[in-house]
C-alpha atoms as a PDB file:
ATOM      1  CA  PHE A   1      -5.828   5.992   1.910  1.00  0.00           C
ATOM      2  CA  GLU A   2      -7.546   5.432  -1.409  1.00  0.00           C
ATOM      3  CA  HIS A   3      -9.722   7.454  -3.761  1.00  0.00           C
ATOM      4  CA  ILE A   4     -13.075   5.652  -2.544  1.00  0.00           C
ATOM      5  CA  GLY A   5     -14.964   8.738  -0.410  1.00  0.00           C
ATOM      6  CA  TYR A   6     -13.260  10.972  -1.842  1.00  0.00           C
ATOM      7  CA  ILE A   7     -14.824  11.447  -4.757  1.00  0.00           C
ATOM      8  CA  ASN A   8     -18.167  12.144  -3.051  1.00  0.00           C
ATOM      9  CA  ALA A   9     -17.008  13.580  -0.213  1.00  0.00           C
ATOM     10  CA  PRO A  10     -13.516  15.008  -1.023  1.00  0.00           C
ATOM     11  CA  ASP A  11     -13.683  17.439   2.482  1.00  0.00           C
ATOM     12  CA  GLU A  12     -14.770  14.801   4.713  1.00  0.00           C
ATOM     13  CA  THR A  13     -12.325  12.036   3.057  1.00  0.00           C
ATOM     14  CA  LYS A  14      -9.213  14.822   3.192  1.00  0.00           C
ATOM     15  CA  THR A  15      -9.599  15.249   7.154  1.00  0.00           C
ATOM     16  CA  GLU A  16      -9.404  11.802   8.016  1.00  0.00           C
ATOM     17  CA  ILE A  17      -5.952  10.909   5.708  1.00  0.00           C
ATOM     18  CA  GLU A  18      -5.136  13.799   7.223  1.00  0.00           C
ATOM     19  CA  ARG A  19      -5.708  12.676  10.806  1.00  0.00           C
ATOM     20  CA  VAL A  20      -4.263   8.972  10.611  1.00  0.00           C
ATOM     21  CA  ILE A  21      -1.244  10.516   8.642  1.00  0.00           C
ATOM     22  CA  ASN A  22      -0.617  12.730  11.897  1.00  0.00           C
ATOM     23  CA  LEU A  23      -0.835  10.158  13.898  1.00  0.00           C
ATOM     24  CA  CYS A  24       1.677   8.337  11.897  1.00  0.00           C
ATOM     25  CA  ILE A  25       4.247  11.190  11.926  1.00  0.00           C
ATOM     26  CA  GLU A  26       3.831  11.858  15.813  1.00  0.00           C
ATOM     27  CA  LEU A  27       4.706   7.822  15.563  1.00  0.00           C
ATOM     28  CA  GLY A  28       7.524   7.825  13.227  1.00  0.00           C
ATOM     29  CA  LEU A  29       5.784   5.681  10.691  1.00  0.00           C
ATOM     30  CA  TYR A  30       5.508   5.658   6.902  1.00  0.00           C
ATOM     31  CA  ALA A  31       2.031   6.467   5.890  1.00  0.00           C
ATOM     32  CA  ILE A  32       1.490   5.936   2.024  1.00  0.00           C
ATOM     33  CA  ILE A  33      -1.049   7.985   0.229  1.00  0.00           C
ATOM     34  CA  ASP A  34      -2.824   5.954  -2.373  1.00  0.00           C
ATOM     35  CA  TRP A  35      -5.162   6.528  -5.116  1.00  0.00           C
ATOM     36  CA  HIS A  36      -6.221   3.362  -5.419  1.00  0.00           C
ATOM     37  CA  THR A  37      -8.777   2.579  -8.516  1.00  0.00           C
ATOM     38  CA  MET A  38     -11.051  -0.251  -8.362  1.00  0.00           C
ATOM     39  CA  ALA A  39     -11.011  -2.429 -11.549  1.00  0.00           C
ATOM     40  CA  ASP A  40     -15.038  -2.180 -12.397  1.00  0.00           C
ATOM     41  CA  GLU A  41     -14.523   1.587 -12.532  1.00  0.00           C
ATOM     42  CA  ILE A  42     -11.936   1.054 -15.589  1.00  0.00           C
ATOM     43  CA  THR A  43     -13.640   1.500 -18.824  1.00  0.00           C
ATOM     44  CA  ASN A  44     -12.373   0.828 -22.266  1.00  0.00           C
ATOM     45  CA  GLY A  45      -9.155   0.724 -20.287  1.00  0.00           C
ATOM     46  CA  MET A  46      -9.190   4.145 -19.342  1.00  0.00           C
ATOM     47  CA  ILE A  47      -8.885   4.928 -15.993  1.00  0.00           C
ATOM     48  CA  PRO A  48     -11.824   7.287 -14.443  1.00  0.00           C
ATOM     49  CA  TYR A  49     -11.413  10.757 -12.541  1.00  0.00           C
ATOM     50  CA  GLN A  50      -7.865  11.749 -13.471  1.00  0.00           C
ATOM     51  CA  ASP A  51      -8.569  15.585 -12.861  1.00  0.00           C
ATOM     52  CA  GLU A  52      -9.674  14.483  -8.961  1.00  0.00           C
ATOM     53  CA  ALA A  53      -6.500  12.814  -8.464  1.00  0.00           C
ATOM     54  CA  VAL A  54      -4.586  15.896  -9.839  1.00  0.00           C
ATOM     55  CA  ALA A  55      -6.241  17.920  -7.148  1.00  0.00           C
ATOM     56  CA  PHE A  56      -6.140  15.033  -4.666  1.00  0.00           C
ATOM     57  CA  PHE A  57      -2.126  14.635  -4.756  1.00  0.00           C
ATOM     58  CA  GLU A  58      -1.611  17.966  -5.160  1.00  0.00           C
ATOM     59  CA  TYR A  59      -3.218  18.822  -2.107  1.00  0.00           C
ATOM     60  CA  PHE A  60      -1.681  16.538   0.150  1.00  0.00           C
ATOM     61  CA  ALA A  61       2.062  17.544  -1.978  1.00  0.00           C
ATOM     62  CA  GLU A  62       1.738  20.827  -0.817  1.00  0.00           C
ATOM     63  CA  LYS A  63       0.309  20.025   3.049  1.00  0.00           C
ATOM     64  CA  TYR A  64       3.046  17.917   3.670  1.00  0.00           C
ATOM     65  CA  ALA A  65       5.808  19.503   1.549  1.00  0.00           C
ATOM     66  CA  ASN A  66       9.292  17.700   2.198  1.00  0.00           C
ATOM     67  CA  ILE A  67       7.899  15.515   5.362  1.00  0.00           C
ATOM     68  CA  PRO A  68       9.298  11.884   4.752  1.00  0.00           C
ATOM     69  CA  ASN A  69       6.803  10.408   6.429  1.00  0.00           C
ATOM     70  CA  VAL A  70       4.674  10.708   3.512  1.00  0.00           C
ATOM     71  CA  LEU A  71       5.165   8.563   0.528  1.00  0.00           C
ATOM     72  CA  TYR A  72       2.509   9.221  -2.573  1.00  0.00           C
ATOM     73  CA  GLU A  73       1.454   5.645  -5.043  1.00  0.00           C
ATOM     74  CA  LEU A  74      -0.352   7.104  -7.528  1.00  0.00           C
ATOM     75  CA  GLN A  75      -2.080   3.877  -8.555  1.00  0.00           C
ATOM     76  CA  ASN A  76      -2.158   0.812  -6.579  1.00  0.00           C
ATOM     77  CA  GLU A  77      -3.934  -1.656  -8.948  1.00  0.00           C
ATOM     78  CA  PRO A  78      -5.051  -0.468 -12.114  1.00  0.00           C
ATOM     79  CA  TYR A  79      -6.468  -3.655 -13.200  1.00  0.00           C
ATOM     80  CA  ASN A  80      -7.912  -3.652 -17.071  1.00  0.00           C
ATOM     81  CA  ALA A  81      -5.930  -0.336 -17.338  1.00  0.00           C
ATOM     82  CA  VAL A  82      -4.296  -0.022 -20.649  1.00  0.00           C
ATOM     83  CA  GLN A  83      -0.921   0.573 -20.295  1.00  0.00           C
ATOM     84  CA  GLU A  84      -0.946   4.068 -22.114  1.00  0.00           C
ATOM     85  CA  SER A  85      -3.733   5.327 -19.791  1.00  0.00           C
ATOM     86  CA  LEU A  86      -1.926   4.421 -16.914  1.00  0.00           C
ATOM     87  CA  ALA A  87       1.220   6.181 -17.897  1.00  0.00           C
ATOM     88  CA  ASN A  88      -0.013   9.131 -18.491  1.00  0.00           C
ATOM     89  CA  TYR A  89      -2.261   9.209 -15.741  1.00  0.00           C
ATOM     90  CA  VAL A  90       0.703   9.084 -13.543  1.00  0.00           C
ATOM     91  CA  LYS A  91       2.492  11.564 -15.213  1.00  0.00           C
ATOM     92  CA  ALA A  92      -0.088  14.112 -14.519  1.00  0.00           C
ATOM     93  CA  GLU A  93       0.092  12.923 -10.760  1.00  0.00           C
ATOM     94  CA  ARG A  94       3.638  12.834 -10.581  1.00  0.00           C
ATOM     95  CA  ASP A  95       4.061  16.418 -12.015  1.00  0.00           C
ATOM     96  CA  ALA A  96       1.464  17.633  -9.718  1.00  0.00           C
ATOM     97  CA  ILE A  97       3.777  16.449  -6.964  1.00  0.00           C
ATOM     98  CA  VAL A  98       6.879  17.277  -7.870  1.00  0.00           C
ATOM     99  CA  LYS A  99       5.648  20.936  -8.077  1.00  0.00           C
ATOM    100  CA  TYR A 100       5.782  20.381  -3.804  1.00  0.00           C
ATOM    101  CA  VAL A 101       7.924  17.567  -3.037  1.00  0.00           C
ATOM    102  CA  ASP A 102      11.891  17.725  -3.499  1.00  0.00           C
ATOM    103  CA  SER A 103      12.320  13.927  -4.600  1.00  0.00           C
ATOM    104  CA  PRO A 104       9.269  12.691  -3.280  1.00  0.00           C
ATOM    105  CA  VAL A 105       8.940   8.961  -2.754  1.00  0.00           C
ATOM    106  CA  MET A 106       6.239   7.938  -5.559  1.00  0.00           C
ATOM    107  CA  ILE A 107       4.928   4.383  -6.532  1.00  0.00           C
ATOM    108  CA  VAL A 108       3.566   3.149  -9.642  1.00  0.00           C
ATOM    109  CA  GLY A 109       1.167  -0.140  -9.408  1.00  0.00           C
ATOM    110  CA  SER A 110       0.715  -2.126 -12.544  1.00  0.00           C
ATOM    111  CA  ARG A 111      -2.071  -4.442 -14.119  1.00  0.00           C
ATOM    112  CA  GLY A 112      -2.703  -7.360 -12.221  1.00  0.00           C
ATOM    113  CA  GLY A 113      -0.804  -6.208  -9.835  1.00  0.00           C
ATOM    114  CA  TYR A 114       2.631  -7.226 -11.375  1.00  0.00           C
ATOM    115  CA  PHE A 115       5.015  -5.296 -13.831  1.00  0.00           C
ATOM    116  CA  GLY A 116       4.513  -6.587 -17.046  1.00  0.00           C
ATOM    117  CA  ASN A 117       5.190  -4.108 -19.369  1.00  0.00           C
ATOM    118  CA  THR A 118       4.369  -1.100 -17.308  1.00  0.00           C
ATOM    119  CA  VAL A 119       8.095   0.006 -16.944  1.00  0.00           C
ATOM    120  CA  GLU A 120       8.166   0.235 -20.283  1.00  0.00           C
ATOM    121  CA  TYR A 121       5.374   2.654 -20.851  1.00  0.00           C
ATOM    122  CA  VAL A 122       5.763   4.490 -17.925  1.00  0.00           C
ATOM    123  CA  GLU A 123       9.368   5.730 -19.122  1.00  0.00           C
ATOM    124  CA  SER A 124       8.528   6.422 -22.205  1.00  0.00           C
ATOM    125  CA  VAL A 125       6.398   9.392 -21.026  1.00  0.00           C
ATOM    126  CA  GLY A 126       9.649  10.448 -19.478  1.00  0.00           C
ATOM    127  CA  ILE A 127       8.905   8.964 -15.801  1.00  0.00           C
ATOM    128  CA  THR A 128      12.303   7.664 -14.325  1.00  0.00           C
ATOM    129  CA  ASP A 129      12.068   8.185 -10.578  1.00  0.00           C
ATOM    130  CA  VAL A 130       9.417   6.122  -9.280  1.00  0.00           C
ATOM    131  CA  PHE A 131       9.300   2.970  -7.300  1.00  0.00           C
ATOM    132  CA  TYR A 132       7.021  -0.278  -8.898  1.00  0.00           C
ATOM    133  CA  SER A 133       5.306  -2.148  -6.762  1.00  0.00           C
ATOM    134  CA  GLN A 134       4.052  -5.883  -6.512  1.00  0.00           C
ATOM    135  CA  HIS A 135       1.899  -7.970  -4.525  1.00  0.00           C
ATOM    136  CA  PHE A 136       2.018 -11.363  -2.919  1.00  0.00           C
ATOM    137  CA  TYR A 137      -0.994 -12.713  -1.818  1.00  0.00           C
ATOM    138  CA  SER A 138      -1.049 -16.900  -0.871  1.00  0.00           C
ATOM    139  CA  ASP A 139      -1.149 -19.646   1.952  1.00  0.00           C
ATOM    140  CA  GLU A 140       2.234 -20.879  -0.110  1.00  0.00           C
ATOM    141  CA  LEU A 141       4.496 -18.325   0.374  1.00  0.00           C
ATOM    142  CA  THR A 142       8.041 -18.733  -1.601  1.00  0.00           C
ATOM    143  CA  THR A 143      10.969 -16.147  -2.186  1.00  0.00           C
ATOM    144  CA  SER A 144      11.141 -17.572  -5.436  1.00  0.00           C
ATOM    145  CA  VAL A 145       7.852 -14.964  -7.011  1.00  0.00           C
ATOM    146  CA  PHE A 146      11.204 -12.155  -6.071  1.00  0.00           C
ATOM    147  CA  SER A 147      13.405 -14.122  -8.724  1.00  0.00           C
ATOM    148  CA  GLY A 148      15.075 -11.127 -10.582  1.00  0.00           C
ATOM    149  CA  VAL A 149      12.484  -8.394  -9.745  1.00  0.00           C
ATOM    150  CA  THR A 150      14.571  -6.454  -7.716  1.00  0.00           C
ATOM    151  CA  ALA A 151      17.442  -6.137 -10.110  1.00  0.00           C
ATOM    152  CA  GLN A 152      15.124  -4.925 -13.034  1.00  0.00           C
ATOM    153  CA  VAL A 153      13.245  -1.928 -11.707  1.00  0.00           C
ATOM    154  CA  PRO A 154      13.370   0.288  -8.069  1.00  0.00           C
ATOM    155  CA  PHE A 155      10.622  -1.802  -6.638  1.00  0.00           C
ATOM    156  CA  ILE A 156       8.537  -2.209  -3.191  1.00  0.00           C
ATOM    157  CA  CYS A 157       6.098  -4.910  -1.758  1.00  0.00           C
ATOM    158  CA  THR A 158       3.153  -2.655  -0.863  1.00  0.00           C
ATOM    159  CA  GLU A 159       0.586  -5.295   0.078  1.00  0.00           C
ATOM    160  CA  TRP A 160       1.744  -9.060   1.029  1.00  0.00           C
ATOM    161  CA  SER A 161      -0.057 -11.562   3.149  1.00  0.00           C
ATOM    162  CA  ASN A 162       0.333 -15.386   3.889  1.00  0.00           C
ATOM    163  CA  ALA A 163      -3.157 -15.780   2.801  1.00  0.00           C
ATOM    164  CA  SER A 164      -5.425 -15.759  -0.440  1.00  0.00           C
ATOM    165  CA  GLU A 165      -8.811 -14.185  -0.714  1.00  0.00           C
ATOM    166  CA  ALA A 166      -9.742 -18.313  -1.203  1.00  0.00           C
ATOM    167  CA  ALA A 167      -8.098 -19.677   2.096  1.00  0.00           C
ATOM    168  CA  ASN A 168      -7.995 -18.188   5.271  1.00  0.00           C
ATOM    169  CA  ALA A 169      -4.771 -17.790   7.177  1.00  0.00           C
ATOM    170  CA  THR A 170      -3.860 -20.261   9.361  1.00  0.00           C
ATOM    171  CA  GLY A 171      -0.738 -20.773  11.310  1.00  0.00           C
ATOM    172  CA  ASP A 172       0.570 -23.929   9.391  1.00  0.00           C
ATOM    173  CA  ASN A 173       2.516 -22.268   6.905  1.00  0.00           C
ATOM    174  CA  ALA A 174       4.612 -19.874   9.495  1.00  0.00           C
ATOM    175  CA  GLU A 175       7.764 -21.349   8.843  1.00  0.00           C
ATOM    176  CA  ALA A 176       7.491 -20.017   5.851  1.00  0.00           C
ATOM    177  CA  CYS A 177       5.772 -16.975   6.201  1.00  0.00           C
ATOM    178  CA  ASN A 178       8.780 -16.071   8.450  1.00  0.00           C
ATOM    179  CA  ALA A 179      11.046 -17.106   5.754  1.00  0.00           C
ATOM    180  CA  PHE A 180       9.318 -15.078   3.466  1.00  0.00           C
ATOM    181  CA  MET A 181       9.472 -12.051   5.495  1.00  0.00           C
ATOM    182  CA  ASN A 182      13.222 -12.354   6.406  1.00  0.00           C
ATOM    183  CA  TYR A 183      13.733 -12.386   2.950  1.00  0.00           C
ATOM    184  CA  MET A 184      12.728  -8.961   1.833  1.00  0.00           C
ATOM    185  CA  TYR A 185      14.117  -7.452   5.112  1.00  0.00           C
ATOM    186  CA  ASP A 186      17.803  -9.471   4.862  1.00  0.00           C
ATOM    187  CA  ASN A 187      17.405  -7.854   0.971  1.00  0.00           C
ATOM    188  CA  LYS A 188      16.187  -4.455   1.823  1.00  0.00           C
ATOM    189  CA  ILE A 189      12.694  -4.741   0.058  1.00  0.00           C
ATOM    190  CA  SER A 190      10.503  -2.165   1.756  1.00  0.00           C
ATOM    191  CA  ASN A 191       7.245  -3.879   2.160  1.00  0.00           C
ATOM    192  CA  CYS A 192       3.562  -3.553   3.892  1.00  0.00           C
ATOM    193  CA  ALA A 193       1.399  -6.091   5.014  1.00  0.00           C
ATOM    194  CA  TRP A 194      -2.096  -6.059   4.757  1.00  0.00           C
ATOM    195  CA  LYS A 195      -3.998  -5.148   6.683  1.00  0.00           C
ATOM    196  CA  PHE A 196      -4.019  -3.258   9.603  1.00  0.00           C
ATOM    197  CA  THR A 197      -7.807  -3.685  10.415  1.00  0.00           C
ATOM    198  CA  ASP A 198     -10.188  -5.293  12.590  1.00  0.00           C
ATOM    199  CA  GLN A 199     -12.515  -6.244   9.921  1.00  0.00           C
ATOM    200  CA  ALA A 200     -13.771  -9.607   9.131  1.00  0.00           C
ATOM    201  CA  HIS A 201     -11.896 -10.232   6.423  1.00  0.00           C
ATOM    202  CA  VAL A 202      -8.873 -13.007   5.681  1.00  0.00           C
ATOM    203  CA  PHE A 203      -5.966 -10.285   5.574  1.00  0.00           C
ATOM    204  CA  SER A 204      -6.969  -8.556   8.988  1.00  0.00           C
ATOM    205  CA  VAL A 205      -4.120  -8.565  11.876  1.00  0.00           C
ATOM    206  CA  LEU A 206      -6.392  -7.792  14.476  1.00  0.00           C
ATOM    207  CA  LYS A 207      -9.843  -9.794  15.137  1.00  0.00           C
ATOM    208  CA  ASN A 208     -13.278  -8.821  14.705  1.00  0.00           C
ATOM    209  CA  ARG A 209     -15.389  -7.440  17.501  1.00  0.00           C
ATOM    210  CA  GLY A 210     -18.726  -8.049  15.697  1.00  0.00           C
ATOM    211  CA  SER A 211     -19.599  -4.668  15.790  1.00  0.00           C
ATOM    212  CA  ILE A 212     -18.642  -0.942  14.368  1.00  0.00           C
ATOM    213  CA  ASN A 213     -17.306   0.739  17.277  1.00  0.00           C
ATOM    214  CA  ASP A 214     -14.346   3.297  16.856  1.00  0.00           C
ATOM    215  CA  SER A 215     -13.301   3.175  20.466  1.00  0.00           C
ATOM    216  CA  TYR A 216     -12.741   0.038  20.456  1.00  0.00           C
ATOM    217  CA  TYR A 217      -9.000  -0.454  19.900  1.00  0.00           C
ATOM    218  CA  SER A 218      -8.662   3.180  21.111  1.00  0.00           C
ATOM    219  CA  GLY A 219      -6.706   1.759  24.295  1.00  0.00           C
ATOM    220  CA  GLY A 220      -4.556  -0.484  21.989  1.00  0.00           C
ATOM    221  CA  PHE A 221      -4.552  -3.959  21.709  1.00  0.00           C
ATOM    222  CA  SER A 222      -3.071  -7.176  23.251  1.00  0.00           C
ATOM    223  CA  ASP A 223      -1.782 -10.336  21.729  1.00  0.00           C
ATOM    224  CA  GLU A 224      -4.906 -12.158  22.119  1.00  0.00           C
ATOM    225  CA  ASP A 225      -6.266  -9.560  19.969  1.00  0.00           C
ATOM    226  CA  LEU A 226      -4.055 -10.931  16.895  1.00  0.00           C
ATOM    227  CA  THR A 227      -5.422 -13.265  14.461  1.00  0.00           C
ATOM    228  CA  VAL A 228      -3.173 -16.050  13.177  1.00  0.00           C
ATOM    229  CA  TRP A 229      -1.752 -13.858  10.640  1.00  0.00           C
ATOM    230  CA  GLY A 230      -1.384 -11.050  13.064  1.00  0.00           C
ATOM    231  CA  SER A 231       0.342 -12.988  15.612  1.00  0.00           C
ATOM    232  CA  LEU A 232       2.820 -14.254  12.915  1.00  0.00           C
ATOM    233  CA  PHE A 233       3.550 -10.956  11.267  1.00  0.00           C
ATOM    234  CA  PHE A 234       3.905  -9.273  14.723  1.00  0.00           C
ATOM    235  CA  THR A 235       6.097 -11.908  16.231  1.00  0.00           C
ATOM    236  CA  ASN A 236       7.934 -11.781  13.265  1.00  0.00           C
ATOM    237  CA  ASN A 237       8.908  -7.833  13.981  1.00  0.00           C
ATOM    238  CA  TYR A 238      10.506  -8.733  16.952  1.00  0.00           C
ATOM    239  CA  ARG A 239      13.374  -6.409  15.025  1.00  0.00           C
ATOM    240  CA  TYR A 240      11.322  -3.452  15.014  1.00  0.00           C
ATOM    241  CA  ASN A 241      10.847  -2.173  18.829  1.00  0.00           C
ATOM    242  CA  PHE A 242       7.935   0.516  17.683  1.00  0.00           C
ATOM    243  CA  PHE A 243       5.525  -2.127  17.136  1.00  0.00           C
ATOM    244  CA  GLU A 244       5.563  -2.854  20.630  1.00  0.00           C
ATOM    245  CA  ASP A 245       4.529   0.766  21.295  1.00  0.00           C
ATOM    246  CA  LEU A 246       1.481   0.284  18.832  1.00  0.00           C
ATOM    247  CA  LYS A 247       0.277  -2.047  21.078  1.00  0.00           C
END
């Protein structure tokens, strides 16, 4: 979940977040609470809404203290942020969370979705207990992108897909997609495919229905409802039987 909507409608947004988190807990799934800053919100390298972000994470950390299903992504894609701003921002968020949660799983994104020197700056403010995230979007997925990454820092791939913004996901790269996913599982790289929606969007795993209707998939979905990308993802996850329960 991200902060879009929270700034203008905090109570309604918190209610919706809690609804889905509770469903994840019921199903035995992880839920990542993500404070996502859009690039066009960042001015002169400074990330906005720090006080709101601290209050946001403090609220959820207290509510879900020590429930292992809940993970905290302090910044998802802080594009255009200067490293000092990012480091100080996530320190304030981290300090709010650890007041309530023992050894929380916390994740920090970085400029451009890649590490750069984000680790150096975050560690400079005394933070050594977070994962760092990286995103992979390509219609030519290759495991070479992981070269050296996992040996450097605690790492999680919080977003990936077999498509890019400019290219629709097709079945043409199924072999590479499966190899990419298998590599992550074989090397115990935690990862999240993007995204579990039915929007008319290249990264959606469910087919778009052409209208907004919250009850459309309320009864579950079948293989016929999956996009090509969704089919690739779910087929490869045969080893995790709970995906069948989702359907």
